[in-house]
Protein backbone atom coordinates (compact mmCIF):
# COMPACT_ATOMS: atom_id res chain seq x y z
CA MET A 1 123.95 109.11 130.51
CA SER A 2 126.05 107.27 128.11
CA ALA A 3 123.81 104.24 128.16
CA SER A 4 120.77 106.32 127.33
CA VAL A 5 122.60 108.14 124.48
CA GLU A 6 123.62 104.75 123.02
CA ARG A 7 120.03 103.45 123.36
CA GLY A 8 118.75 106.62 121.73
CA ALA A 9 121.17 106.32 118.80
CA ALA A 10 120.37 102.52 118.51
CA GLU A 11 116.46 103.47 118.33
CA LEU A 12 117.27 106.16 115.75
CA ALA A 13 119.38 103.78 113.59
CA ARG A 14 116.46 101.18 113.89
CA GLU A 15 113.98 103.82 112.96
CA ASN A 16 116.05 105.05 110.09
CA ALA A 17 116.49 101.51 108.76
CA TYR A 18 112.59 100.99 108.88
CA LEU A 19 111.85 104.26 107.22
CA LYS A 20 114.36 103.45 104.35
CA LEU A 21 112.68 100.01 103.77
CA ARG A 22 109.27 101.78 103.89
CA VAL A 23 110.30 104.40 101.34
CA ALA A 24 111.53 101.66 99.11
CA GLN A 25 108.23 99.76 99.51
CA LEU A 26 106.19 102.92 98.69
CA GLU A 27 108.29 103.74 95.67
CA GLY A 28 107.64 100.18 94.31
CA ASP A 29 103.99 100.77 94.95
CA VAL A 30 104.04 104.10 93.06
CA GLN A 31 105.79 102.39 90.15
CA ASP A 32 103.03 99.65 90.13
CA LEU A 33 100.28 102.20 90.20
CA ASN A 34 101.92 104.22 87.40
CA ALA A 35 102.10 101.15 85.20
CA GLU A 36 98.47 100.24 86.19
CA ASN A 37 97.34 103.85 85.29
CA LEU A 38 99.18 103.67 81.93
CA ARG A 39 97.70 100.25 81.16
CA LEU A 40 94.15 101.59 81.97
CA ARG A 41 94.63 104.77 79.91
CA GLU A 42 95.63 102.66 76.87
CA GLU A 43 92.63 100.23 77.45
CA ARG A 44 90.35 103.40 77.60
CA GLU A 45 91.71 104.81 74.45
CA ARG A 46 91.50 101.34 72.66
CA LEU A 47 87.92 101.15 73.64
CA HIS A 48 87.11 104.81 72.89
CA GLY A 49 88.68 104.43 69.49
CA ARG A 50 86.63 101.31 68.83
CA ARG A 51 83.39 103.12 69.67
CA ALA A 52 84.43 106.16 67.61
CA ALA A 53 85.06 103.83 64.68
CA GLN A 54 81.70 102.08 65.03
CA ALA A 55 79.94 105.38 65.32
CA SER A 56 81.52 106.73 62.11
CA ALA A 57 81.07 103.43 60.07
CA PRO A 58 78.35 103.60 57.54
CA ASN A 59 75.21 101.53 58.47
CA PRO A 60 74.73 98.86 55.87
CA LEU A 61 71.03 98.78 56.78
CA GLY A 62 70.50 102.43 56.61
CA SER A 63 68.55 104.10 53.82
CA GLY A 64 71.66 105.49 51.93
CA GLN A 65 70.61 104.13 48.47
């Protein structure tokens, strides 16, 4: 019984080490995705701001005179 308990403890320790590593990898992925999300939001805001500025600019070829 002692050998099976030791084997079970070793398996649990191995699984625990794997899960800790996997959690660290996933946390890194979340950080990367958050950074990409922020970058894309800023890009969208920049592009939206450019379109809004173009839409509100007076048309030099328009009949405003």
